[in-house]
Amino acid sequence: MWDFTLTPTPFTQPERELLAEDLVRQGSDPSLLDVLSATVGVSSRWTRPMVLRGFSADGDLRGAAVVFLCRDAGPSFGMPRLARSAVRRLPSIWYWERTSLGTDGHASPGLVVHGVDRGEFRDQALRWLRGHQLLGVVVESRTERPPRSSRSTRGLGVSTVSLVSLQGSGQAPLLEQHRNLARKVRRFSNRGGTLRLIQGALPDDLREELLPAYDVPRPLNPPFVELYPQMVRAHSALDSPAAWHVVAEMDGVPVGYHSWWHSGHTLSLLSGAFTRPTGGTVHAYENVLLESMTLARDLGCRTVHLGPTVNGVKRALFDSDPTELRFVAALPPVRWGVGLALPHSALAPAEIARVTGG
């Protein structure tokens, strides 16, 4: 027998101790809960990150995950402004990213205590969400069994790098496998491009210089996109030795960055964005990715989680495992409506293939 709560309460110390074993088993450590707690510590008018907790009949914690309640899903579907306003008047939808660990400060397949099966937690959690919310979406590997009362469509895919397969050599194997990368490294340097590596909290002034990069329009957006700047502020303010930032500059002016969290043998991408200055960023994105692989090697990581495969560059450099968006709703008319809208939205499979380059 399971019971669940969905609240904005950060993870407590007793919960950290109960979930520590599972985090280590997944290649992480309890410090990842600092990031997840920072995520549920922010909110906006339209978005509320929550912790979904599962309990036994005796009230003992059995598992947990971060789930968003969103009332601003219009941008995800590519809706015009008037339709987006209408969507905000509807009940919130929930969103759970299960395909990686810690990416964007919220993703996890579900964390469980000793003796609890992760698959059972997932099934019971989705059953509870289906019974308490009109509609939601869980992002999962295509190989996972679809949940009951759901409608699936193609996801972006997820990029996960095994440094074991790269012989733990940082960027060297990538430079060898993709001969055009060396040219992009030289061009970035010759045009005044430099990289800064920062450990701990990102300086306030630098963070505010980088945040306008999120004003650049993107073809695909998660349903919590309007909360993203607040999440970035919360994560980058964490003054921890586990926090790392790779910042690209052109002639001393910041043009983009990636923020990472190092836990156990894992490096997880928290956020990243790049501006569009006059003259372009001259492959700053590729240079930041390469530097991040070197960082992972130097930290002794075995796995790098880069999150959703949001562009062709990421797909070309790293393997992308197929994912699906599983829209879950107890009422058949709701599932029917989703199925009717998807082919004409920004989440149509053809549109996702165009954006990701695959």
Protein backbone atom coordinates (compact mmCIF):
# COMPACT_ATOMS: atom_id res chain seq x y z
CA MET A 1 0.00 0.00 0.00
CA TRP A 2 1.36 3.39 -1.07
CA ASP A 3 0.51 6.95 -0.12
CA PHE A 4 1.88 10.11 -1.75
CA THR A 5 2.33 13.80 -1.08
CA LEU A 6 3.22 16.56 -3.54
CA THR A 7 4.69 19.56 -1.72
CA PRO A 8 7.38 22.26 -2.19
CA THR A 9 9.24 21.02 0.89
CA PRO A 10 13.01 20.59 0.33
CA PHE A 11 14.72 17.33 1.21
CA THR A 12 15.38 16.92 4.93
CA GLN A 13 18.49 15.49 6.54
CA PRO A 14 16.76 12.20 7.47
CA GLU A 15 15.60 11.88 3.85
CA ARG A 16 19.13 12.51 2.62
CA GLU A 17 20.33 9.64 4.76
CA LEU A 18 17.58 7.32 3.52
CA LEU A 19 18.21 8.14 -0.15
CA ALA A 20 22.03 8.25 0.03
CA GLU A 21 22.49 4.57 -0.81
CA ASP A 22 20.43 4.85 -4.01
CA LEU A 23 22.23 8.00 -5.10
CA VAL A 24 25.59 6.28 -4.68
CA ARG A 25 24.27 3.23 -6.54
CA GLN A 26 23.43 5.51 -9.47
CA GLY A 27 26.94 7.00 -9.45
CA SER A 28 26.01 10.17 -7.60
CA ASP A 29 25.97 11.20 -3.92
CA PRO A 30 23.68 13.08 -1.48
CA SER A 31 24.99 16.48 -2.61
CA LEU A 32 22.67 16.16 -5.62
CA LEU A 33 19.80 16.77 -3.21
CA ASP A 34 21.20 20.29 -2.64
CA VAL A 35 20.41 21.02 -6.28
CA LEU A 36 16.98 19.40 -6.20
CA SER A 37 16.11 21.32 -3.02
CA ALA A 38 17.24 24.58 -4.63
CA THR A 39 14.88 23.86 -7.51
CA VAL A 40 11.84 23.41 -5.27
CA GLY A 41 12.85 26.59 -3.46
CA VAL A 42 11.78 28.78 -6.40
CA SER A 43 8.39 29.32 -8.01
CA SER A 44 6.42 31.72 -10.14
CA ARG A 45 2.83 32.58 -10.92
CA TRP A 46 2.64 29.80 -13.51
CA THR A 47 5.11 27.14 -12.32
CA ARG A 48 5.65 25.32 -9.03
CA PRO A 49 8.41 22.69 -8.63
CA MET A 50 7.36 20.06 -6.09
CA VAL A 51 8.75 16.95 -4.45
CA LEU A 52 6.59 13.89 -4.98
CA ARG A 53 7.12 11.59 -2.00
CA GLY A 54 5.90 8.03 -1.72
CA PHE A 55 5.26 6.45 1.69
CA SER A 56 4.41 3.06 3.09
CA ALA A 57 1.18 2.49 5.02
CA ASP A 58 3.20 3.15 8.19
CA GLY A 59 4.32 6.56 6.91
CA ASP A 60 7.90 5.54 6.07
CA LEU A 61 9.53 7.21 3.04
CA ARG A 62 9.86 4.83 0.09
CA GLY A 63 10.83 7.11 -2.80
CA ALA A 64 10.88 10.66 -4.13
CA ALA A 65 11.19 12.71 -7.33
CA VAL A 66 10.93 16.33 -8.44
CA VAL A 67 7.74 17.00 -10.41
CA PHE A 68 6.70 20.37 -11.87
CA LEU A 69 3.16 21.72 -11.81
CA CYS A 70 2.89 23.97 -14.86
CA ARG A 71 0.19 26.33 -16.16
CA ASP A 72 2.29 27.80 -18.97
CA ALA A 73 2.64 24.83 -21.33
CA GLY A 74 1.67 26.89 -24.38
CA PRO A 75 5.28 27.62 -25.46
CA SER A 76 6.05 23.89 -25.41
CA PHE A 77 3.36 23.30 -28.03
CA GLY A 78 4.33 26.39 -30.03
CA MET A 79 0.95 28.01 -29.42
CA PRO A 80 0.25 31.62 -30.45
CA ARG A 81 0.02 34.21 -27.69
CA LEU A 82 -3.80 34.16 -27.42
CA ALA A 83 -3.86 30.36 -27.05
CA ARG A 84 -1.10 30.52 -24.42
CA SER A 85 -3.23 32.88 -22.34
CA ALA A 86 -6.14 30.45 -22.58
CA VAL A 87 -3.95 27.53 -21.46
CA ARG A 88 -2.97 29.49 -18.33
CA ARG A 89 -6.62 29.44 -17.26
CA LEU A 90 -6.75 25.64 -17.36
CA PRO A 91 -5.70 23.32 -14.54
CA SER A 92 -1.95 22.82 -14.23
CA ILE A 93 -0.24 19.87 -15.87
CA TRP A 94 2.56 17.91 -14.20
CA TYR A 95 5.97 17.18 -15.73
CA TRP A 96 8.50 14.52 -14.65
CA GLU A 97 11.84 14.02 -16.43
CA ARG A 98 13.15 10.48 -15.74
CA THR A 99 15.81 10.01 -18.43
CA SER A 100 18.89 11.39 -16.69
CA LEU A 101 20.26 12.31 -13.28
CA GLY A 102 20.31 15.89 -12.02
CA THR A 103 20.15 17.64 -15.39
CA ASP A 104 18.41 21.03 -15.35
CA GLY A 105 18.41 20.64 -11.57
CA HIS A 106 15.38 18.35 -11.49
CA ALA A 107 15.73 15.15 -13.56
CA SER A 108 15.79 11.73 -11.91
CA PRO A 109 14.27 8.31 -12.57
CA GLY A 110 12.98 8.40 -9.00
CA LEU A 111 15.08 7.97 -5.86
CA VAL A 112 14.20 5.04 -3.62
CA VAL A 113 15.13 3.82 -0.17
CA HIS A 114 16.79 0.48 0.51
CA GLY A 115 14.61 -2.48 -0.44
CA VAL A 116 12.22 -0.55 -2.72
CA ASP A 117 12.09 -1.34 -6.43
CA ARG A 118 12.44 1.76 -8.63
CA GLY A 119 10.01 0.37 -11.18
CA GLU A 120 7.35 -0.09 -8.52
CA PHE A 121 7.87 3.47 -7.29
CA ARG A 122 7.48 4.74 -10.86
CA ASP A 123 4.26 2.76 -11.43
CA GLN A 124 2.68 3.77 -8.13
CA ALA A 125 3.71 7.42 -8.56
CA LEU A 126 2.20 7.62 -12.05
CA ARG A 127 -0.96 5.93 -10.81
CA TRP A 128 -1.28 8.53 -8.02
CA LEU A 129 -0.59 11.44 -10.38
CA ARG A 130 -3.13 10.10 -12.88
CA GLY A 131 -5.76 10.03 -10.14
CA HIS A 132 -5.01 13.52 -8.79
CA GLN A 133 -4.16 15.61 -11.88
CA LEU A 134 -6.07 16.03 -15.14
CA LEU A 135 -3.02 15.69 -17.40
CA GLY A 136 0.73 15.25 -17.11
CA VAL A 137 3.77 14.09 -19.04
CA VAL A 138 6.57 11.78 -18.02
CA VAL A 139 9.72 11.73 -20.16
CA GLU A 140 11.18 8.24 -20.33
CA SER A 141 13.41 5.98 -22.36
CA ARG A 142 11.64 4.51 -25.35
CA THR A 143 12.47 1.06 -23.98
CA GLU A 144 10.39 1.64 -20.83
CA ARG A 145 6.91 0.14 -20.76
CA PRO A 146 4.37 2.93 -21.43
CA PRO A 147 2.25 3.77 -18.38
CA ARG A 148 -1.46 3.02 -18.29
CA SER A 149 -3.86 5.60 -19.73
CA SER A 150 -1.15 7.37 -21.70
CA ARG A 151 -0.40 8.59 -25.21
CA SER A 152 3.22 8.60 -26.39
CA THR A 153 5.11 10.70 -28.89
CA ARG A 154 8.75 11.07 -29.82
CA GLY A 155 11.01 12.87 -27.36
CA LEU A 156 14.21 14.79 -27.96
CA GLY A 157 16.45 11.92 -26.92
CA VAL A 158 18.94 12.18 -24.06
CA SER A 159 22.73 12.50 -24.26
CA THR A 160 24.80 10.58 -21.75
CA VAL A 161 28.56 10.23 -22.15
CA SER A 162 30.51 7.31 -20.72
CA LEU A 163 34.07 8.44 -20.12
CA VAL A 164 35.01 4.77 -19.94
CA SER A 165 34.15 4.48 -23.64
CA LEU A 166 36.21 7.62 -24.27
CA GLN A 167 39.10 6.02 -22.35
CA GLY A 168 38.77 8.80 -19.76
CA SER A 169 40.76 11.11 -22.02
CA GLY A 170 38.62 14.23 -21.89
CA GLN A 171 38.30 15.95 -25.24
CA ALA A 172 41.10 14.12 -27.06
CA PRO A 173 38.96 11.26 -28.44
CA LEU A 174 36.33 13.73 -29.67
CA LEU A 175 38.98 15.75 -31.49
CA GLU A 176 40.23 12.55 -33.08
CA GLN A 177 36.77 11.30 -34.05
CA HIS A 178 35.57 14.67 -35.40
CA ARG A 179 38.40 16.25 -37.37
CA ASN A 180 36.50 19.52 -37.89
CA LEU A 181 36.56 20.21 -34.13
CA ALA A 182 40.25 21.11 -34.11
CA ARG A 183 39.52 23.79 -36.69
CA LYS A 184 36.68 25.14 -34.54
CA VAL A 185 38.97 25.28 -31.49
CA ARG A 186 41.57 27.26 -33.46
CA ARG A 187 39.00 29.60 -34.96
CA PHE A 188 37.48 30.33 -31.54
CA SER A 189 40.92 31.15 -30.13
CA ASN A 190 42.00 33.22 -33.14
CA ARG A 191 38.88 35.38 -32.88
CA GLY A 192 39.57 36.28 -29.26
CA GLY A 193 37.70 33.40 -27.67
CA THR A 194 38.71 32.24 -24.19
CA LEU A 195 37.27 29.88 -21.58
CA ARG A 196 36.96 30.45 -17.83
CA LEU A 197 36.56 27.63 -15.34
CA ILE A 198 34.89 28.63 -12.06
CA GLN A 199 34.28 26.42 -9.04
CA GLY A 200 31.59 27.24 -6.48
CA ALA A 201 29.03 29.99 -6.81
CA LEU A 202 28.94 31.93 -10.06
CA PRO A 203 29.68 35.61 -9.32
CA ASP A 204 26.50 37.68 -9.26
CA ASP A 205 27.64 40.16 -11.90
CA LEU A 206 28.69 37.38 -14.28
CA ARG A 207 25.41 35.53 -13.77
CA GLU A 208 23.40 38.64 -14.65
CA GLU A 209 25.54 39.17 -17.76
CA LEU A 210 24.77 35.62 -18.92
CA LEU A 211 21.03 35.53 -18.14
CA PRO A 212 20.01 37.59 -21.24
CA ALA A 213 21.08 34.56 -23.28
CA TYR A 214 17.74 33.03 -22.26
CA ASP A 215 15.95 35.74 -24.25
CA VAL A 216 17.15 34.08 -27.46
CA PRO A 217 14.11 32.30 -28.99
CA ARG A 218 14.28 28.51 -28.98
CA PRO A 219 12.31 26.14 -31.18
CA LEU A 220 11.54 23.75 -28.32
CA ASN A 221 10.76 24.57 -24.71
CA PRO A 222 9.89 22.63 -21.56
CA PRO A 223 6.61 23.62 -19.87
CA PHE A 224 8.54 25.30 -17.07
CA VAL A 225 10.59 27.58 -19.37
CA GLU A 226 9.30 30.82 -17.80
CA LEU A 227 10.76 29.72 -14.45
CA TYR A 228 14.14 28.88 -15.92
CA PRO A 229 15.98 32.15 -15.10
CA GLN A 230 14.97 31.82 -11.44
CA MET A 231 16.21 28.22 -11.43
CA VAL A 232 19.51 29.32 -12.96
CA ARG A 233 19.93 31.96 -10.26
CA ALA A 234 19.20 29.43 -7.52
CA HIS A 235 21.59 26.78 -8.86
CA SER A 236 24.44 29.14 -9.72
CA ALA A 237 24.26 30.70 -6.24
CA LEU A 238 25.08 27.35 -4.58
CA ASP A 239 28.51 27.94 -3.06
CA SER A 240 29.67 24.34 -3.14
CA PRO A 241 32.84 22.64 -4.38
CA ALA A 242 30.50 20.41 -6.39
CA ALA A 243 29.44 23.37 -8.57
CA TRP A 244 31.44 24.10 -11.73
CA HIS A 245 30.93 26.62 -14.53
CA VAL A 246 32.58 26.78 -17.96
CA VAL A 247 32.19 30.31 -19.35
CA ALA A 248 33.02 31.32 -22.93
CA GLU A 249 34.14 34.89 -23.63
CA MET A 250 34.87 36.80 -26.82
CA ASP A 251 37.41 39.57 -26.26
CA GLY A 252 36.57 39.41 -22.56
CA VAL A 253 32.79 39.63 -23.02
CA PRO A 254 30.78 36.59 -21.80
CA VAL A 255 28.81 34.98 -24.65
CA GLY A 256 27.73 31.66 -23.12
CA TYR A 257 28.27 29.09 -20.44
CA HIS A 258 27.49 25.64 -19.04
CA SER A 259 26.98 25.00 -15.33
CA TRP A 260 27.65 21.54 -13.91
CA TRP A 261 27.21 19.60 -10.69
CA HIS A 262 29.81 17.02 -9.70
CA SER A 263 28.45 14.25 -7.49
CA GLY A 264 30.15 10.90 -6.99
CA HIS A 265 31.44 9.76 -10.37
CA THR A 266 28.91 11.91 -12.26
CA LEU A 267 28.89 15.34 -13.88
CA SER A 268 25.37 16.68 -14.53
CA LEU A 269 24.53 19.66 -16.74
CA LEU A 270 22.45 22.15 -14.75
CA SER A 271 22.01 24.86 -17.36
CA GLY A 272 23.62 26.49 -20.35
CA ALA A 273 22.87 29.23 -22.86
CA PHE A 274 24.62 31.28 -25.53
CA THR A 275 23.94 34.76 -26.88
CA ARG A 276 23.97 35.82 -30.52
CA PRO A 277 26.46 38.70 -30.70
CA THR A 278 27.29 40.46 -33.94
CA GLY A 279 29.77 38.24 -35.72
CA GLY A 280 28.54 35.14 -33.90
CA THR A 281 30.09 33.15 -31.08
CA VAL A 282 32.58 31.41 -33.40
CA HIS A 283 31.91 27.87 -32.14
CA ALA A 284 31.89 28.84 -28.46
CA TYR A 285 29.33 26.09 -27.86
CA GLU A 286 31.59 23.31 -29.14
CA ASN A 287 34.54 24.71 -27.20
CA VAL A 288 32.54 24.74 -23.95
CA LEU A 289 31.47 21.13 -24.53
CA LEU A 290 35.07 20.06 -25.16
CA GLU A 291 36.33 21.86 -22.06
CA SER A 292 33.57 20.21 -20.04
CA MET A 293 34.78 16.76 -21.12
CA THR A 294 38.25 17.68 -19.85
CA LEU A 295 36.72 18.88 -16.58
CA ALA A 296 34.90 15.56 -16.20
CA ARG A 297 38.14 13.67 -16.75
CA ASP A 298 40.06 15.78 -14.26
CA LEU A 299 37.33 15.24 -11.65
CA GLY A 300 37.53 11.48 -12.12
CA CYS A 301 33.99 11.18 -13.47
CA ARG A 302 32.75 8.09 -15.26
CA THR A 303 29.51 9.54 -16.61
CA VAL A 304 28.44 12.92 -17.96
CA HIS A 305 24.72 13.66 -18.15
CA LEU A 306 24.02 16.32 -20.77
CA GLY A 307 20.23 16.09 -20.64
CA PRO A 308 17.90 16.31 -23.65
CA THR A 309 19.50 16.27 -27.11
CA VAL A 310 18.33 19.76 -27.99
CA ASN A 311 20.40 20.35 -31.14
CA GLY A 312 22.29 18.68 -33.94
CA VAL A 313 25.72 19.51 -32.50
CA LYS A 314 25.06 17.51 -29.35
CA ARG A 315 23.66 14.64 -31.43
CA ALA A 316 26.72 14.66 -33.71
CA LEU A 317 29.28 14.65 -30.87
CA PHE A 318 27.58 12.28 -28.43
CA ASP A 319 25.28 9.29 -28.54
CA SER A 320 21.60 10.10 -28.07
CA ASP A 321 19.30 7.51 -26.54
CA PRO A 322 15.71 7.68 -27.84
CA THR A 323 13.08 8.99 -25.45
CA GLU A 324 9.33 9.44 -25.49
CA LEU A 325 6.91 11.95 -24.01
CA ARG A 326 4.17 9.94 -22.32
CA PHE A 327 1.07 12.09 -21.80
CA VAL A 328 -0.87 10.57 -18.91
CA ALA A 329 -4.57 11.25 -18.28
CA ALA A 330 -7.30 9.14 -16.71
CA LEU A 331 -10.01 10.59 -18.98
CA PRO A 332 -10.03 9.25 -22.59
CA PRO A 333 -11.23 12.59 -24.09
CA VAL A 334 -8.16 14.32 -22.66
CA ARG A 335 -5.84 11.73 -24.24
CA TRP A 336 -7.77 12.06 -27.49
CA GLY A 337 -7.33 15.83 -27.46
CA VAL A 338 -3.59 15.52 -26.90
CA GLY A 339 -3.33 13.08 -29.79
CA LEU A 340 -5.23 15.51 -32.01
CA ALA A 341 -3.02 18.48 -31.12
CA LEU A 342 0.44 16.87 -31.18
CA PRO A 343 0.89 16.47 -34.98
CA HIS A 344 0.20 20.19 -35.45
CA SER A 345 2.44 21.41 -32.61
CA ALA A 346 6.11 22.13 -31.98
CA LEU A 347 6.26 18.64 -30.43
CA ALA A 348 5.37 16.87 -33.68
CA PRO A 349 7.90 14.09 -34.40
CA ALA A 350 8.97 15.72 -37.68
CA GLU A 351 9.63 19.03 -35.91
CA ILE A 352 11.65 17.35 -33.16
CA ALA A 353 13.73 15.51 -35.81
CA ARG A 354 14.39 18.81 -37.58
CA VAL A 355 15.56 20.58 -34.42
CA THR A 356 17.74 17.76 -33.09
CA GLY A 357 19.29 16.87 -36.43
CA GLY A 358 18.03 13.30 -36.21
